[in-house]
C-alpha atoms as a PDB file:
ATOM      1  CA  MET A   1      -9.143  18.170  -0.355  1.00  0.00           C
ATOM      2  CA  GLU A   2      -7.884  15.548   2.056  1.00  0.00           C
ATOM      3  CA  GLN A   3      -9.950  12.451   2.661  1.00  0.00           C
ATOM      4  CA  LYS A   4      -9.749  11.467   6.314  1.00  0.00           C
ATOM      5  CA  ILE A   5     -10.077   7.993   7.754  1.00  0.00           C
ATOM      6  CA  GLY A   6     -10.231   6.981  11.382  1.00  0.00           C
ATOM      7  CA  ILE A   7      -7.113   5.214  12.594  1.00  0.00           C
ATOM      8  CA  SER A   8      -9.224   2.462  14.157  1.00  0.00           C
ATOM      9  CA  LYS A   9     -11.123   1.904  10.916  1.00  0.00           C
ATOM     10  CA  ALA A  10      -7.922   1.838   8.866  1.00  0.00           C
ATOM     11  CA  ALA A  11      -6.409  -0.677  11.274  1.00  0.00           C
ATOM     12  CA  ARG A  12      -9.519  -2.895  11.015  1.00  0.00           C
ATOM     13  CA  LEU A  13      -9.431  -2.731   7.218  1.00  0.00           C
ATOM     14  CA  LEU A  14      -5.762  -3.696   7.274  1.00  0.00           C
ATOM     15  CA  GLY A  15      -6.305  -6.470   9.795  1.00  0.00           C
ATOM     16  CA  ILE A  16      -3.780  -5.073  12.242  1.00  0.00           C
ATOM     17  CA  LYS A  17      -3.981  -3.580  15.715  1.00  0.00           C
ATOM     18  CA  ARG A  18      -4.413   0.152  16.081  1.00  0.00           C
ATOM     19  CA  ALA A  19      -1.161   0.354  18.041  1.00  0.00           C
ATOM     20  CA  GLU A  20       0.741  -1.271  15.171  1.00  0.00           C
ATOM     21  CA  LEU A  21      -0.756   1.199  12.692  1.00  0.00           C
ATOM     22  CA  ASN A  22       0.171   4.060  15.022  1.00  0.00           C
ATOM     23  CA  ASP A  23       3.755   2.745  15.112  1.00  0.00           C
ATOM     24  CA  ARG A  24       3.844   2.641  11.304  1.00  0.00           C
ATOM     25  CA  LEU A  25       2.423   6.165  11.058  1.00  0.00           C
ATOM     26  CA  THR A  26       4.966   7.473  13.547  1.00  0.00           C
ATOM     27  CA  ALA A  27       7.863   5.713  11.802  1.00  0.00           C
ATOM     28  CA  ALA A  28       6.777   7.215   8.468  1.00  0.00           C
ATOM     29  CA  GLY A  29       6.353  10.680   9.980  1.00  0.00           C
ATOM     30  CA  ILE A  30       2.627  10.821   9.170  1.00  0.00           C
ATOM     31  CA  GLU A  31       0.666  13.078  11.515  1.00  0.00           C
ATOM     32  CA  THR A  32      -2.744  12.268  12.942  1.00  0.00           C
ATOM     33  CA  PHE A  33      -5.398  14.610  14.271  1.00  0.00           C
ATOM     34  CA  GLU A  34      -8.212  13.648  16.647  1.00  0.00           C
ATOM     35  CA  GLY A  35      -7.944   9.954  15.792  1.00  0.00           C
ATOM     36  CA  GLU A  36      -7.979  10.507  12.050  1.00  0.00           C
ATOM     37  CA  VAL A  37      -5.344  10.532   9.364  1.00  0.00           C
ATOM     38  CA  ASP A  38      -5.160  11.470   5.697  1.00  0.00           C
ATOM     39  CA  TYR A  39      -6.318   8.411   3.720  1.00  0.00           C
ATOM     40  CA  LYS A  40      -3.752   8.942   0.928  1.00  0.00           C
ATOM     41  CA  LYS A  41      -0.913   9.010   3.436  1.00  0.00           C
ATOM     42  CA  VAL A  42      -2.095   5.770   5.045  1.00  0.00           C
ATOM     43  CA  GLN A  43      -2.157   4.197   1.583  1.00  0.00           C
ATOM     44  CA  CYS A  44       1.525   5.063   1.221  1.00  0.00           C
ATOM     45  CA  ILE A  45       2.431   2.845   4.163  1.00  0.00           C
ATOM     46  CA  ALA A  46      -0.340   0.282   3.637  1.00  0.00           C
ATOM     47  CA  PRO A  47      -0.735  -0.460  -0.075  1.00  0.00           C
ATOM     48  CA  THR A  48      -3.552  -2.978   0.434  1.00  0.00           C
ATOM     49  CA  LEU A  49      -5.900  -0.452   2.049  1.00  0.00           C
ATOM     50  CA  ASN A  50      -8.842   0.089  -0.259  1.00  0.00           C
ATOM     51  CA  PHE A  51     -12.512   1.031   0.181  1.00  0.00           C
ATOM     52  CA  GLY A  52     -13.969  -0.051  -3.126  1.00  0.00           C
ATOM     53  CA  ASP A  53     -14.638  -3.517  -4.420  1.00  0.00           C
ATOM     54  CA  PRO A  54     -14.951  -3.391  -8.225  1.00  0.00           C
ATOM     55  CA  ILE A  55     -16.455  -6.894  -8.453  1.00  0.00           C
ATOM     56  CA  THR A  56     -19.278  -5.943  -6.098  1.00  0.00           C
ATOM     57  CA  GLU A  57     -19.936  -2.792  -8.106  1.00  0.00           C
ATOM     58  CA  ARG A  58     -20.033  -4.773 -11.370  1.00  0.00           C
ATOM     59  CA  ILE A  59     -22.449  -7.361  -9.928  1.00  0.00           C
ATOM     60  CA  LYS A  60     -24.700  -4.547  -8.698  1.00  0.00           C
ATOM     61  CA  HIS A  61     -24.686  -3.005 -12.183  1.00  0.00           C
ATOM     62  CA  ILE A  62     -25.529  -6.321 -13.866  1.00  0.00           C
ATOM     63  CA  ARG A  63     -28.382  -6.986 -11.447  1.00  0.00           C
ATOM     64  CA  GLU A  64     -29.817  -3.518 -12.013  1.00  0.00           C
ATOM     65  CA  ASN A  65     -29.566  -3.836 -15.829  1.00  0.00           C
ATOM     66  CA  PRO A  66     -30.065  -7.529 -16.691  1.00  0.00           C
ATOM     67  CA  ALA A  67     -31.693  -7.156 -20.118  1.00  0.00           C
ATOM     68  CA  LYS A  68     -29.432  -4.435 -21.492  1.00  0.00           C
ATOM     69  CA  ARG A  69     -26.834  -6.723 -23.128  1.00  0.00           C
ATOM     70  CA  VAL A  70     -26.437 -10.436 -23.320  1.00  0.00           C
ATOM     71  CA  LYS A  71     -23.597 -11.832 -25.390  1.00  0.00           C
ATOM     72  CA  GLY A  72     -23.073  -8.455 -27.052  1.00  0.00           C
ATOM     73  CA  HIS A  73     -26.633  -8.068 -28.391  1.00  0.00           C
ATOM     74  CA  GLU A  74     -29.149  -5.487 -27.268  1.00  0.00           C
ATOM     75  CA  THR A  75     -32.380  -7.430 -27.304  1.00  0.00           C
ATOM     76  CA  ALA A  76     -35.264  -8.530 -25.207  1.00  0.00           C
ATOM     77  CA  VAL A  77     -34.178 -11.952 -24.025  1.00  0.00           C
ATOM     78  CA  SER A  78     -35.991 -14.834 -22.462  1.00  0.00           C
ATOM     79  CA  LYS A  79     -35.810 -15.560 -18.776  1.00  0.00           C
ATOM     80  CA  GLN A  80     -33.976 -18.835 -19.476  1.00  0.00           C
ATOM     81  CA  ASP A  81     -31.348 -17.042 -21.581  1.00  0.00           C
ATOM     82  CA  LEU A  82     -30.760 -14.638 -18.717  1.00  0.00           C
ATOM     83  CA  LEU A  83     -30.498 -17.490 -16.219  1.00  0.00           C
ATOM     84  CA  ASP A  84     -28.005 -19.304 -18.459  1.00  0.00           C
ATOM     85  CA  GLU A  85     -25.925 -16.159 -18.831  1.00  0.00           C
ATOM     86  CA  ILE A  86     -26.018 -15.530 -15.082  1.00  0.00           C
ATOM     87  CA  THR A  87     -24.876 -19.106 -14.420  1.00  0.00           C
ATOM     88  CA  ARG A  88     -21.987 -18.741 -16.861  1.00  0.00           C
ATOM     89  CA  LEU A  89     -20.969 -15.369 -15.468  1.00  0.00           C
ATOM     90  CA  SER A  90     -21.231 -16.666 -11.900  1.00  0.00           C
ATOM     91  CA  SER A  91     -18.915 -19.543 -12.741  1.00  0.00           C
ATOM     92  CA  ASP A  92     -16.420 -17.178 -14.386  1.00  0.00           C
ATOM     93  CA  LEU A  93     -16.656 -14.873 -11.379  1.00  0.00           C
ATOM     94  CA  ARG A  94     -15.892 -17.711  -8.945  1.00  0.00           C
ATOM     95  CA  VAL A  95     -12.756 -18.670 -10.870  1.00  0.00           C
ATOM     96  CA  GLU A  96     -11.562 -15.070 -11.137  1.00  0.00           C
ATOM     97  CA  THR A  97     -12.376 -14.383  -7.493  1.00  0.00           C
ATOM     98  CA  MET A  98     -10.325 -17.366  -6.359  1.00  0.00           C
ATOM     99  CA  THR A  99      -7.364 -16.260  -8.489  1.00  0.00           C
ATOM    100  CA  ALA A 100      -7.674 -12.676  -7.263  1.00  0.00           C
ATOM    101  CA  ARG A 101      -7.853 -13.899  -3.661  1.00  0.00           C
ATOM    102  CA  GLN A 102      -4.574 -15.772  -4.106  1.00  0.00           C
ATOM    103  CA  TYR A 103      -2.851 -12.741  -5.617  1.00  0.00           C
ATOM    104  CA  ARG A 104      -4.277 -10.491  -2.937  1.00  0.00           C
ATOM    105  CA  GLN A 105      -2.918 -12.807  -0.234  1.00  0.00           C
ATOM    106  CA  VAL A 106       0.574 -12.501  -1.692  1.00  0.00           C
ATOM    107  CA  ILE A 107       0.261  -8.709  -1.741  1.00  0.00           C
ATOM    108  CA  GLU A 108      -1.057  -8.690   1.834  1.00  0.00           C
ATOM    109  CA  ASP A 109       1.872 -10.865   2.952  1.00  0.00           C
ATOM    110  CA  VAL A 110       4.299  -8.427   1.318  1.00  0.00           C
ATOM    111  CA  ALA A 111       2.479  -5.471   2.891  1.00  0.00           C
ATOM    112  CA  GLU A 112       2.616  -7.114   6.323  1.00  0.00           C
ATOM    113  CA  LYS A 113       6.344  -7.666   5.965  1.00  0.00           C
ATOM    114  CA  LEU A 114       6.797  -4.054   4.864  1.00  0.00           C
ATOM    115  CA  GLY A 115       4.779  -2.889   7.853  1.00  0.00           C
ATOM    116  CA  LYS A 116       7.120  -4.743  10.173  1.00  0.00           C
ATOM    117  CA  MET A 117      10.118  -3.255   8.374  1.00  0.00           C
ATOM    118  CA  GLN A 118       8.678   0.258   8.767  1.00  0.00           C
ATOM    119  CA  VAL A 119       8.918   0.008  12.542  1.00  0.00           C
ATOM    120  CA  SER A 120      12.249  -1.802  12.604  1.00  0.00           C
ATOM    121  CA  GLY A 121      15.313  -0.503  14.384  1.00  0.00           C
ATOM    122  CA  THR A 122      17.280   0.716  11.381  1.00  0.00           C
ATOM    123  CA  GLU A 123      16.554   3.909   9.488  1.00  0.00           C
ATOM    124  CA  ALA A 124      17.742   2.392   6.193  1.00  0.00           C
ATOM    125  CA  GLU A 125      15.313  -0.518   6.469  1.00  0.00           C
ATOM    126  CA  ARG A 126      12.428   1.828   7.365  1.00  0.00           C
ATOM    127  CA  GLU A 127      13.206   4.071   4.385  1.00  0.00           C
ATOM    128  CA  LEU A 128      13.447   1.097   2.020  1.00  0.00           C
ATOM    129  CA  ALA A 129      10.118  -0.275   3.275  1.00  0.00           C
ATOM    130  CA  PHE A 130       8.455   3.126   2.920  1.00  0.00           C
ATOM    131  CA  GLN A 131       9.731   3.556  -0.644  1.00  0.00           C
ATOM    132  CA  PHE A 132       8.658   0.042  -1.609  1.00  0.00           C
ATOM    133  CA  CYS A 133       5.180   0.654  -0.127  1.00  0.00           C
ATOM    134  CA  ASN A 134       4.877   3.817  -2.200  1.00  0.00           C
ATOM    135  CA  TRP A 135       5.894   1.909  -5.333  1.00  0.00           C
ATOM    136  CA  LEU A 136       3.465  -0.914  -4.576  1.00  0.00           C
ATOM    137  CA  ARG A 137       0.609   1.555  -3.957  1.00  0.00           C
ATOM    138  CA  GLN A 138       1.314   3.247  -7.308  1.00  0.00           C
ATOM    139  CA  ARG A 139       1.275  -0.123  -9.097  1.00  0.00           C
ATOM    140  CA  ILE A 140      -2.050  -1.007  -7.472  1.00  0.00           C
ATOM    141  CA  ILE A 141      -3.544   2.338  -8.491  1.00  0.00           C
ATOM    142  CA  GLU A 142      -2.274   2.016 -12.102  1.00  0.00           C
ATOM    143  CA  ASP A 143      -3.984  -1.350 -12.564  1.00  0.00           C
END
Protein backbone atom coordinates (compact mmCIF):
# COMPACT_ATOMS: atom_id res chain seq x y z
CA MET A 1 0.00 0.00 0.00
CA GLU A 2 1.38 3.37 -1.00
CA GLN A 3 1.93 6.00 1.64
CA LYS A 4 1.03 9.41 0.27
CA ILE A 5 2.48 12.74 1.31
CA GLY A 6 1.39 16.19 0.25
CA ILE A 7 3.85 17.90 -2.07
CA SER A 8 3.71 21.06 0.05
CA LYS A 9 4.45 19.11 3.23
CA ALA A 10 7.33 17.23 1.60
CA ALA A 11 8.78 20.51 0.35
CA ARG A 12 8.54 22.03 3.85
CA LEU A 13 10.23 18.99 5.39
CA LEU A 14 13.01 19.25 2.82
CA GLY A 15 13.37 22.99 3.27
CA ILE A 16 12.81 23.74 -0.40
CA LYS A 17 10.10 25.50 -2.38
CA ARG A 18 7.20 23.49 -3.71
CA ALA A 19 8.09 24.53 -7.26
CA GLU A 20 11.61 23.13 -6.85
CA LEU A 21 10.22 19.83 -5.57
CA ASN A 22 7.80 19.73 -8.50
CA ASP A 23 10.74 20.25 -10.87
CA ARG A 24 12.62 17.36 -9.22
CA LEU A 25 9.55 15.11 -9.41
CA THR A 26 9.04 15.94 -13.07
CA ALA A 27 12.72 15.39 -13.91
CA ALA A 28 12.61 12.00 -12.18
CA GLY A 29 9.37 11.03 -13.91
CA ILE A 30 7.45 10.71 -10.63
CA GLU A 31 3.71 11.31 -11.01
CA THR A 32 1.58 13.28 -8.58
CA PHE A 33 -2.15 13.12 -8.00
CA GLU A 34 -4.26 15.85 -6.40
CA GLY A 35 -1.26 17.48 -4.74
CA GLU A 36 0.08 14.25 -3.28
CA VAL A 37 2.85 11.89 -4.22
CA ASP A 38 4.02 8.45 -3.13
CA TYR A 39 6.27 8.97 -0.09
CA LYS A 40 8.72 6.21 -1.13
CA LYS A 41 9.20 7.80 -4.54
CA VAL A 42 9.91 11.20 -2.98
CA GLN A 43 12.51 9.53 -0.77
CA CYS A 44 14.27 8.31 -3.91
CA ILE A 45 14.93 11.88 -5.03
CA ALA A 46 15.24 13.38 -1.54
CA PRO A 47 17.20 11.02 0.72
CA THR A 48 16.98 13.29 3.77
CA LEU A 49 13.17 13.20 3.91
CA ASN A 50 12.14 11.39 7.06
CA PHE A 51 9.14 11.53 9.43
CA GLY A 52 10.52 9.81 12.49
CA ASP A 53 13.02 11.06 15.00
CA PRO A 54 14.50 8.08 16.88
CA ILE A 55 16.05 10.26 19.61
CA THR A 56 12.67 11.78 20.44
CA GLU A 57 11.11 8.32 20.57
CA ARG A 58 13.87 7.06 22.89
CA ILE A 59 13.50 10.05 25.24
CA LYS A 60 9.74 9.47 25.36
CA HIS A 61 10.32 5.82 26.26
CA ILE A 62 12.80 6.69 29.02
CA ARG A 63 10.45 9.27 30.51
CA GLU A 64 7.56 6.81 30.50
CA ASN A 65 9.67 4.04 32.11
CA PRO A 66 12.22 5.75 34.39
CA ALA A 67 12.59 3.05 37.05
CA LYS A 68 12.75 0.04 34.74
CA ARG A 69 16.55 -0.06 34.31
CA VAL A 70 19.34 2.08 35.59
CA LYS A 71 22.89 1.06 34.79
CA GLY A 72 21.72 -2.40 33.73
CA HIS A 73 19.98 -3.30 37.02
CA GLU A 74 16.27 -3.79 37.49
CA THR A 75 15.67 -2.25 40.88
CA ALA A 76 13.73 0.36 42.71
CA VAL A 77 16.10 3.31 42.71
CA SER A 78 16.23 6.51 44.64
CA LYS A 79 15.12 9.79 43.17
CA GLN A 80 18.70 11.11 43.34
CA ASP A 81 20.03 8.09 41.44
CA LEU A 82 17.46 8.72 38.73
CA LEU A 83 18.36 12.41 38.57
CA ASP A 84 22.07 11.56 38.30
CA GLU A 85 21.38 9.08 35.52
CA ILE A 86 19.18 11.58 33.69
CA THR A 87 21.93 14.22 33.94
CA ARG A 88 24.51 11.80 32.55
CA LEU A 89 22.23 10.65 29.75
CA SER A 90 21.30 14.25 28.92
CA SER A 91 24.96 15.16 28.60
CA ASP A 92 25.62 12.14 26.37
CA LEU A 93 22.57 13.04 24.30
CA ARG A 94 23.79 16.61 23.77
CA VAL A 95 27.16 15.40 22.50
CA GLU A 96 25.59 12.81 20.19
CA THR A 97 22.98 15.27 18.96
CA MET A 98 25.65 17.80 18.03
CA THR A 99 27.65 15.15 16.15
CA ALA A 100 24.52 13.88 14.40
CA ARG A 101 23.57 17.45 13.46
CA GLN A 102 26.95 17.93 11.79
CA TYR A 103 26.65 14.68 9.84
CA ARG A 104 23.09 15.49 8.89
CA GLN A 105 24.18 18.88 7.55
CA VAL A 106 26.71 17.19 5.27
CA ILE A 107 24.03 14.81 4.01
CA GLU A 108 21.60 17.69 3.48
CA ASP A 109 24.26 19.61 1.52
CA VAL A 110 24.82 16.56 -0.69
CA ALA A 111 21.06 16.11 -1.13
CA GLU A 112 20.66 19.78 -2.08
CA LYS A 113 23.39 19.45 -4.68
CA LEU A 114 21.76 16.29 -6.03
CA GLY A 115 18.42 18.08 -6.20
CA LYS A 116 19.97 20.78 -8.35
CA MET A 117 21.58 18.14 -10.56
CA GLN A 118 18.22 16.39 -11.01
CA VAL A 119 16.79 19.43 -12.76
CA SER A 120 19.93 20.27 -14.72
CA GLY A 121 20.06 20.50 -18.48
CA THR A 122 21.79 17.21 -19.23
CA GLU A 123 20.11 13.82 -19.11
CA ALA A 124 23.33 12.11 -17.99
CA GLU A 125 23.70 14.40 -14.99
CA ARG A 126 20.03 13.93 -14.03
CA GLU A 127 20.37 10.14 -14.25
CA LEU A 128 23.57 10.16 -12.19
CA ALA A 129 21.94 12.34 -9.52
CA PHE A 130 18.87 10.11 -9.42
CA GLN A 131 20.97 6.95 -9.04
CA PHE A 132 23.11 8.53 -6.33
CA CYS A 133 19.97 9.66 -4.45
CA ASN A 134 18.65 6.10 -4.58
CA TRP A 135 21.96 4.78 -3.23
CA LEU A 136 22.05 7.39 -0.48
CA ARG A 137 18.44 6.62 0.53
CA GLN A 138 19.27 2.90 0.76
CA ARG A 139 22.31 3.64 2.95
CA ILE A 140 20.19 5.80 5.25
CA ILE A 141 17.55 3.07 5.54
CA GLU A 142 20.17 0.35 6.24
CA ASP A 143 21.61 2.29 9.18
